[in-house]
Amino acid sequence: MNQRLINLTCQLVIQEVEEILRGYPPNTYYSTFIIQVWRQKLINHVLNQIPNHYYTILEEEQELPQDARFLYSSLAEQLQMEALIHESMLDLIQQHSK
């Protein structure tokens, strides 16, 4: 039996970052983080601050969950993630401007 270990936290962070960036007008943070290098820095910054959750796929036909938001145990946890992403965006921009 073939097994693969998938980091669902990464999928969740990517999903949340994309959702948050869609809420910004094009001439703000969106224009910075639409650039792949900056988006990857943002994702890495967030991932370094949170625990990771993994999913084991036992068979090749088994599919990943499409929405990683099932990892949230509460609305408060989701709001914390969103706040962390916003804080990370500010941190990265401030670091770059120095």
C-alpha atoms as a PDB file:
ATOM      1  CA  MET A   1       0.000   0.000   0.000  1.00  0.00           C
ATOM      2  CA  ASN A   2       1.371   3.367  -1.055  1.00  0.00           C
ATOM      3  CA  GLN A   3       1.252   6.275   1.409  1.00  0.00           C
ATOM      4  CA  ARG A   4       1.752   9.984   0.889  1.00  0.00           C
ATOM      5  CA  LEU A   5       1.908  12.614   3.605  1.00  0.00           C
ATOM      6  CA  ILE A   6       0.366  15.957   2.651  1.00  0.00           C
ATOM      7  CA  ASN A   7       0.753  19.215   4.588  1.00  0.00           C
ATOM      8  CA  LEU A   8      -2.798  20.571   4.749  1.00  0.00           C
ATOM      9  CA  THR A   9      -1.714  23.660   6.660  1.00  0.00           C
ATOM     10  CA  CYS A  10       0.109  24.902   3.574  1.00  0.00           C
ATOM     11  CA  GLN A  11      -3.021  24.365   1.496  1.00  0.00           C
ATOM     12  CA  LEU A  12      -5.071  26.235   4.119  1.00  0.00           C
ATOM     13  CA  VAL A  13      -2.681  29.203   4.248  1.00  0.00           C
ATOM     14  CA  ILE A  14      -2.600  29.486   0.453  1.00  0.00           C
ATOM     15  CA  GLN A  15      -6.397  29.358   0.355  1.00  0.00           C
ATOM     16  CA  GLU A  16      -6.734  32.044   3.048  1.00  0.00           C
ATOM     17  CA  VAL A  17      -4.076  34.315   1.510  1.00  0.00           C
ATOM     18  CA  GLU A  18      -5.845  34.198  -1.854  1.00  0.00           C
ATOM     19  CA  GLU A  19      -9.190  34.940  -0.218  1.00  0.00           C
ATOM     20  CA  ILE A  20      -7.783  37.902   1.729  1.00  0.00           C
ATOM     21  CA  LEU A  21      -5.969  39.352  -1.278  1.00  0.00           C
ATOM     22  CA  ARG A  22      -9.183  39.231  -3.329  1.00  0.00           C
ATOM     23  CA  GLY A  23     -10.662  41.629  -0.777  1.00  0.00           C
ATOM     24  CA  TYR A  24      -8.024  44.312  -1.386  1.00  0.00           C
ATOM     25  CA  PRO A  25      -8.235  46.872  -4.189  1.00  0.00           C
ATOM     26  CA  PRO A  26      -5.662  46.287  -6.967  1.00  0.00           C
ATOM     27  CA  ASN A  27      -3.495  49.305  -6.037  1.00  0.00           C
ATOM     28  CA  THR A  28      -2.794  48.259  -2.428  1.00  0.00           C
ATOM     29  CA  TYR A  29      -1.314  45.110  -0.840  1.00  0.00           C
ATOM     30  CA  TYR A  30      -2.755  43.146  -3.717  1.00  0.00           C
ATOM     31  CA  SER A  31      -0.264  44.660  -6.149  1.00  0.00           C
ATOM     32  CA  THR A  32       2.657  43.610  -3.920  1.00  0.00           C
ATOM     33  CA  PHE A  33       1.522  40.111  -3.064  1.00  0.00           C
ATOM     34  CA  ILE A  34       0.287  39.229  -6.545  1.00  0.00           C
ATOM     35  CA  ILE A  35       3.990  38.883  -7.380  1.00  0.00           C
ATOM     36  CA  GLN A  36       4.839  35.214  -6.855  1.00  0.00           C
ATOM     37  CA  VAL A  37       8.044  35.879  -4.876  1.00  0.00           C
ATOM     38  CA  TRP A  38       6.213  38.109  -2.407  1.00  0.00           C
ATOM     39  CA  ARG A  39       3.266  35.756  -2.143  1.00  0.00           C
ATOM     40  CA  GLN A  40       5.645  32.881  -1.335  1.00  0.00           C
ATOM     41  CA  LYS A  41       7.378  35.019   1.313  1.00  0.00           C
ATOM     42  CA  LEU A  42       3.982  35.730   2.859  1.00  0.00           C
ATOM     43  CA  ILE A  43       2.984  32.073   2.878  1.00  0.00           C
ATOM     44  CA  ASN A  44       6.318  31.055   4.409  1.00  0.00           C
ATOM     45  CA  HIS A  45       6.077  33.810   7.028  1.00  0.00           C
ATOM     46  CA  VAL A  46       2.664  32.574   8.138  1.00  0.00           C
ATOM     47  CA  LEU A  47       3.623  28.873   8.042  1.00  0.00           C
ATOM     48  CA  ASN A  48       6.606  29.538  10.308  1.00  0.00           C
ATOM     49  CA  GLN A  49       4.272  30.848  13.006  1.00  0.00           C
ATOM     50  CA  ILE A  50       1.645  28.105  13.194  1.00  0.00           C
ATOM     51  CA  PRO A  51       1.524  24.363  13.870  1.00  0.00           C
ATOM     52  CA  ASN A  52       1.187  22.115  10.844  1.00  0.00           C
ATOM     53  CA  HIS A  53      -1.497  19.528  10.184  1.00  0.00           C
ATOM     54  CA  TYR A  54      -0.835  16.581   7.916  1.00  0.00           C
ATOM     55  CA  TYR A  55      -3.105  14.247   5.987  1.00  0.00           C
ATOM     56  CA  THR A  56      -2.122  10.732   4.987  1.00  0.00           C
ATOM     57  CA  ILE A  57      -3.311   9.419   1.640  1.00  0.00           C
ATOM     58  CA  LEU A  58      -3.270   5.643   1.674  1.00  0.00           C
ATOM     59  CA  GLU A  59      -4.126   4.918  -1.937  1.00  0.00           C
ATOM     60  CA  GLU A  60      -3.369   6.732  -5.144  1.00  0.00           C
ATOM     61  CA  GLU A  61      -7.079   7.082  -5.950  1.00  0.00           C
ATOM     62  CA  GLN A  62      -7.823   8.822  -2.665  1.00  0.00           C
ATOM     63  CA  GLU A  63      -8.212  12.563  -3.149  1.00  0.00           C
ATOM     64  CA  LEU A  64      -7.253  15.489  -0.982  1.00  0.00           C
ATOM     65  CA  PRO A  65     -10.003  17.502   0.665  1.00  0.00           C
ATOM     66  CA  GLN A  66     -10.803  20.462  -1.602  1.00  0.00           C
ATOM     67  CA  ASP A  67     -11.379  22.908   1.246  1.00  0.00           C
ATOM     68  CA  ALA A  68      -8.770  22.833   4.011  1.00  0.00           C
ATOM     69  CA  ARG A  69     -10.949  25.015   6.237  1.00  0.00           C
ATOM     70  CA  PHE A  70     -12.206  21.888   7.959  1.00  0.00           C
ATOM     71  CA  LEU A  71      -8.980  22.190  10.000  1.00  0.00           C
ATOM     72  CA  TYR A  72     -10.502  25.095  11.929  1.00  0.00           C
ATOM     73  CA  SER A  73     -12.116  24.004  15.156  1.00  0.00           C
ATOM     74  CA  SER A  74     -13.864  27.352  15.659  1.00  0.00           C
ATOM     75  CA  LEU A  75     -14.602  30.712  14.103  1.00  0.00           C
ATOM     76  CA  ALA A  76     -12.103  32.255  16.531  1.00  0.00           C
ATOM     77  CA  GLU A  77      -9.357  30.059  15.088  1.00  0.00           C
ATOM     78  CA  GLN A  78     -10.228  31.181  11.567  1.00  0.00           C
ATOM     79  CA  LEU A  79     -10.192  34.836  12.629  1.00  0.00           C
ATOM     80  CA  GLN A  80      -6.783  34.323  14.260  1.00  0.00           C
ATOM     81  CA  MET A  81      -5.438  32.958  10.984  1.00  0.00           C
ATOM     82  CA  GLU A  82      -6.811  35.926   9.070  1.00  0.00           C
ATOM     83  CA  ALA A  83      -5.282  38.347  11.593  1.00  0.00           C
ATOM     84  CA  LEU A  84      -1.937  36.543  11.351  1.00  0.00           C
ATOM     85  CA  ILE A  85      -1.967  36.876   7.555  1.00  0.00           C
ATOM     86  CA  HIS A  86      -2.695  40.616   7.784  1.00  0.00           C
ATOM     87  CA  GLU A  87       0.074  41.058  10.385  1.00  0.00           C
ATOM     88  CA  SER A  88       2.491  39.083   8.221  1.00  0.00           C
ATOM     89  CA  MET A  89       1.716  41.286   5.239  1.00  0.00           C
ATOM     90  CA  LEU A  90       2.549  44.387   7.281  1.00  0.00           C
ATOM     91  CA  ASP A  91       5.719  42.798   8.702  1.00  0.00           C
ATOM     92  CA  LEU A  92       7.039  41.872   5.269  1.00  0.00           C
ATOM     93  CA  ILE A  93       6.334  45.299   3.820  1.00  0.00           C
ATOM     94  CA  GLN A  94       7.970  47.021   6.806  1.00  0.00           C
ATOM     95  CA  GLN A  95      11.031  44.741   6.553  1.00  0.00           C
ATOM     96  CA  HIS A  96      11.346  45.524   2.860  1.00  0.00           C
ATOM     97  CA  SER A  97      11.073  49.286   3.378  1.00  0.00           C
ATOM     98  CA  LYS A  98      13.976  49.353   5.874  1.00  0.00           C
END
